Protein backbone atom coordinates (compact mmCIF):
# COMPACT_ATOMS: atom_id res chain seq x y z
CA UNK A 1 0.83 -26.64 4.60
CA UNK A 2 -2.08 -28.39 5.82
CA UNK A 3 -0.28 -29.22 8.60
CA UNK A 4 0.36 -25.48 9.70
CA UNK A 5 -2.40 -23.31 7.93
CA UNK A 6 -6.03 -23.74 6.75
CA UNK A 7 -5.90 -24.30 3.08
CA UNK A 8 -8.95 -24.16 0.64
CA UNK A 9 -8.92 -24.88 -3.02
CA UNK A 10 -10.36 -23.92 -5.76
CA UNK A 11 -9.92 -25.67 -9.09
CA UNK A 12 -11.06 -23.01 -11.84
CA UNK A 13 -10.37 -19.59 -11.57
CA UNK A 14 -13.53 -18.64 -11.26
CA UNK A 15 -13.92 -19.92 -7.97
CA UNK A 16 -10.45 -18.46 -6.66
CA UNK A 17 -11.77 -15.05 -7.27
CA UNK A 18 -15.13 -16.08 -5.43
CA UNK A 19 -13.33 -17.47 -2.68
CA UNK A 20 -11.09 -14.51 -2.34
CA UNK A 21 -14.24 -12.41 -2.44
CA UNK A 22 -16.27 -13.99 -0.23
CA UNK A 23 -13.51 -15.70 2.22
CA UNK A 24 -10.96 -14.98 5.33
CA UNK A 25 -8.13 -15.40 2.66
CA UNK A 26 -4.78 -14.30 4.27
CA UNK A 27 -2.54 -16.13 0.99
CA UNK A 28 -3.30 -16.95 -2.60
CA UNK A 29 -1.24 -19.89 -4.14
CA UNK A 30 -2.06 -19.38 -7.88
CA UNK A 31 -0.84 -21.59 -10.92
CA UNK A 32 -1.17 -20.00 -14.12
CA UNK A 33 -2.69 -22.47 -15.78
CA UNK A 34 -5.84 -22.62 -14.53
CA UNK A 35 -9.07 -24.06 -16.83
CA UNK A 36 -11.07 -21.32 -16.99
CA UNK A 37 -9.27 -17.98 -16.47
CA UNK A 38 -5.45 -17.46 -17.02
CA UNK A 39 -3.56 -17.23 -13.36
CA UNK A 40 -2.57 -13.96 -14.15
CA UNK A 41 -5.70 -12.64 -15.58
CA UNK A 42 -6.82 -13.75 -11.59
CA UNK A 43 -4.09 -12.04 -10.57
CA UNK A 44 -5.11 -8.75 -12.04
CA UNK A 45 -8.54 -9.17 -10.82
CA UNK A 46 -7.62 -9.65 -6.89
CA UNK A 47 -5.32 -6.55 -7.18
CA UNK A 48 -7.84 -4.63 -9.57
CA UNK A 49 -10.49 -5.06 -6.42
CA UNK A 50 -8.23 -2.10 -4.56
CA UNK A 51 -8.51 -3.78 -0.98
CA UNK A 52 -5.98 -1.71 1.01
CA UNK A 53 -5.44 -5.12 3.13
CA UNK A 54 -2.03 -6.66 1.72
CA UNK A 55 -2.93 -9.96 0.23
CA UNK A 56 0.40 -11.84 -0.93
CA UNK A 57 -0.39 -13.88 -4.03
CA UNK A 58 2.82 -16.61 -5.00
CA UNK A 59 2.23 -17.79 -8.67
CA UNK A 60 3.91 -20.82 -9.85
CA UNK A 61 4.37 -22.32 -13.35
CA UNK A 62 6.22 -24.45 -15.70
CA UNK A 63 6.77 -20.98 -17.91
CA UNK A 64 9.97 -19.66 -16.18
CA UNK A 65 11.44 -17.47 -18.72
CA UNK A 66 12.47 -14.22 -17.38
CA UNK A 67 9.53 -12.29 -19.23
CA UNK A 68 6.93 -14.95 -17.81
CA UNK A 69 8.23 -14.29 -14.12
CA UNK A 70 8.20 -10.21 -14.90
CA UNK A 71 4.27 -10.61 -16.50
CA UNK A 72 3.22 -12.79 -13.56
CA UNK A 73 5.08 -9.54 -11.27
CA UNK A 74 3.61 -7.33 -13.79
CA UNK A 75 -0.11 -8.42 -13.04
CA UNK A 76 0.40 -8.29 -9.33
CA UNK A 77 1.99 -11.08 -7.88
CA UNK A 78 4.23 -11.11 -4.84
CA UNK A 79 6.63 -13.91 -5.44
CA UNK A 80 6.74 -16.14 -8.25
CA UNK A 81 7.71 -20.02 -7.96
CA UNK A 82 8.75 -22.48 -11.15
CA UNK A 83 7.42 -25.90 -11.38
CA UNK A 84 8.30 -28.27 -10.11
CA UNK A 85 7.77 -26.34 -6.65
CA UNK A 86 10.06 -27.65 -4.05
CA UNK A 87 7.79 -28.21 -1.15
CA UNK A 88 10.23 -27.42 1.38
CA UNK A 89 10.72 -23.83 -0.50
CA UNK A 90 6.58 -23.48 -0.76
CA UNK A 91 6.54 -24.05 3.19
CA UNK A 92 9.23 -21.43 4.10
CA UNK A 93 7.92 -18.44 1.16
CA UNK A 94 4.47 -19.12 2.73
CA UNK A 95 5.58 -18.90 6.33
CA UNK A 96 7.33 -15.18 5.10
CA UNK A 97 4.29 -14.13 3.77
CA UNK A 98 2.19 -14.68 6.59
CA UNK A 99 4.68 -13.04 8.64
CA UNK A 100 4.42 -10.19 6.54
CA UNK A 101 0.70 -10.05 6.62
CA UNK A 102 0.61 -10.65 10.41
CA UNK A 103 2.75 -7.39 11.24
CA UNK A 104 0.52 -5.43 8.36
CA UNK A 105 -2.42 -6.27 10.63
CA UNK A 106 -0.79 -5.33 13.52
CA UNK A 107 0.28 -2.33 12.11
CA UNK A 108 -3.31 -1.49 10.78
CA UNK A 109 -4.51 -2.13 14.20
CA UNK A 110 -2.17 0.54 16.07
CA UNK A 111 -3.13 3.23 13.48
CA UNK A 112 -6.69 2.42 14.51
CA UNK A 113 -6.31 2.75 18.05
CA UNK A 114 -3.60 6.06 17.20
CA UNK A 115 -6.91 7.44 15.20
CA UNK A 116 -9.20 6.89 18.26
CA UNK A 117 -6.90 8.76 20.76
CA UNK A 118 -6.49 11.65 17.98
CA UNK A 119 -9.85 11.79 17.51
């Protein structure tokens, strides 16, 4: 991922929450098994912020039963990958979500221009 994107890492769930709160984060890759906060709780807290900007969250875990996947999606994840994660699949999914993020940003900017013209 580092070849195409600026990557920041957080070893703990609390550090990940702080990075999202204070950083310019475009995508969250979140391991469910974090040492201090469960990854699903981190996901829920990110979503609870109520940020209107689209912030994709991709969960990955060794727990890959359908109910585990459903629980991750209910927590607010946009996608779910099972370990071991195929590096090529991860890169392709990250590219897809980054494209969606850019489209969302562009739509917001166009909406702002329209509001200024109308207002």
